[in-house]
C-alpha atoms as a PDB file:
ATOM      1  CA  UNK A   1      20.735  -8.098  15.361  1.00  0.00           C
ATOM      2  CA  UNK A   2      17.070  -8.170  14.687  1.00  0.00           C
ATOM      3  CA  UNK A   3      16.497  -8.869  18.780  1.00  0.00           C
ATOM      4  CA  UNK A   4      18.162  -5.777  19.905  1.00  0.00           C
ATOM      5  CA  UNK A   5      16.108  -3.113  16.852  1.00  0.00           C
ATOM      6  CA  UNK A   6      12.915  -5.234  18.381  1.00  0.00           C
ATOM      7  CA  UNK A   7      14.208  -3.459  21.795  1.00  0.00           C
ATOM      8  CA  UNK A   8      15.043  -0.835  20.803  1.00  0.00           C
ATOM      9  CA  UNK A   9      11.847   0.257  18.564  1.00  0.00           C
ATOM     10  CA  UNK A  10       9.845  -1.071  22.006  1.00  0.00           C
ATOM     11  CA  UNK A  11      11.358   0.824  24.321  1.00  0.00           C
ATOM     12  CA  UNK A  12      10.787   4.119  22.400  1.00  0.00           C
ATOM     13  CA  UNK A  13       6.686   3.172  21.672  1.00  0.00           C
ATOM     14  CA  UNK A  14       7.002   2.728  25.539  1.00  0.00           C
ATOM     15  CA  UNK A  15       8.803   5.700  26.021  1.00  0.00           C
ATOM     16  CA  UNK A  16       6.493   7.929  23.784  1.00  0.00           C
ATOM     17  CA  UNK A  17       3.118   6.470  24.951  1.00  0.00           C
ATOM     18  CA  UNK A  18       3.118   4.663  21.649  1.00  0.00           C
ATOM     19  CA  UNK A  19       0.675   1.520  21.230  1.00  0.00           C
ATOM     20  CA  UNK A  20       1.853  -1.430  18.884  1.00  0.00           C
ATOM     21  CA  UNK A  21      -0.080  -3.001  15.913  1.00  0.00           C
ATOM     22  CA  UNK A  22      -1.868  -6.297  18.096  1.00  0.00           C
ATOM     23  CA  UNK A  23      -3.836  -7.672  14.520  1.00  0.00           C
ATOM     24  CA  UNK A  24      -2.636 -10.539  12.762  1.00  0.00           C
ATOM     25  CA  UNK A  25      -0.005 -10.546  10.257  1.00  0.00           C
ATOM     26  CA  UNK A  26      -1.881  -9.092   6.947  1.00  0.00           C
ATOM     27  CA  UNK A  27      -4.780  -7.504   8.512  1.00  0.00           C
ATOM     28  CA  UNK A  28      -4.335  -3.844   7.704  1.00  0.00           C
ATOM     29  CA  UNK A  29      -8.064  -2.399   8.160  1.00  0.00           C
ATOM     30  CA  UNK A  30      -5.913  -0.921  11.350  1.00  0.00           C
ATOM     31  CA  UNK A  31      -3.635   0.869   8.644  1.00  0.00           C
ATOM     32  CA  UNK A  32      -5.645   2.638   7.029  1.00  0.00           C
ATOM     33  CA  UNK A  33      -6.297   5.403   8.690  1.00  0.00           C
ATOM     34  CA  UNK A  34      -2.090   5.893   9.210  1.00  0.00           C
ATOM     35  CA  UNK A  35      -1.312   4.938   5.527  1.00  0.00           C
ATOM     36  CA  UNK A  36      -4.593   8.362   4.495  1.00  0.00           C
ATOM     37  CA  UNK A  37      -2.698  10.577   6.488  1.00  0.00           C
ATOM     38  CA  UNK A  38       1.532   9.721   5.386  1.00  0.00           C
ATOM     39  CA  UNK A  39       0.172   9.733   2.053  1.00  0.00           C
ATOM     40  CA  UNK A  40      -1.524  13.556   2.277  1.00  0.00           C
ATOM     41  CA  UNK A  41       1.826  14.241   4.015  1.00  0.00           C
ATOM     42  CA  UNK A  42       3.853  13.475   1.029  1.00  0.00           C
ATOM     43  CA  UNK A  43       1.222  14.480  -1.700  1.00  0.00           C
ATOM     44  CA  UNK A  44       1.350  18.009   0.257  1.00  0.00           C
ATOM     45  CA  UNK A  45       4.874  18.542   0.738  1.00  0.00           C
ATOM     46  CA  UNK A  46       5.918  17.266  -2.379  1.00  0.00           C
ATOM     47  CA  UNK A  47       3.561  19.423  -4.271  1.00  0.00           C
ATOM     48  CA  UNK A  48       4.883  22.708  -2.319  1.00  0.00           C
ATOM     49  CA  UNK A  49       8.554  21.726  -2.870  1.00  0.00           C
ATOM     50  CA  UNK A  50       8.353  21.233  -6.430  1.00  0.00           C
ATOM     51  CA  UNK A  51      10.738  20.268  -8.855  1.00  0.00           C
ATOM     52  CA  UNK A  52      12.343  23.521  -8.764  1.00  0.00           C
ATOM     53  CA  UNK A  53      16.027  22.380  -7.848  1.00  0.00           C
ATOM     54  CA  UNK A  54      16.296  20.453 -11.095  1.00  0.00           C
ATOM     55  CA  UNK A  55      15.088  22.558 -13.605  1.00  0.00           C
ATOM     56  CA  UNK A  56      15.982  25.492 -11.820  1.00  0.00           C
ATOM     57  CA  UNK A  57      12.778  26.373 -12.552  1.00  0.00           C
ATOM     58  CA  UNK A  58       9.205  27.494 -10.617  1.00  0.00           C
ATOM     59  CA  UNK A  59       7.241  25.511  -9.913  1.00  0.00           C
ATOM     60  CA  UNK A  60       3.288  25.419 -11.839  1.00  0.00           C
ATOM     61  CA  UNK A  61       1.666  25.472  -8.904  1.00  0.00           C
END
């Protein structure tokens, strides 16, 4: 199962021109920029949507 998943991910990366990380396990310095991007994206998306649906009220922002 793991081999199939690995092959599928590799094929998708190749098809879309994405290069996999070549750093050693536990070396996350090359991951810092993308983690920052994800954090900003989630933060902006969450603040834009807010919790209106649960309380049935508009968000304060």
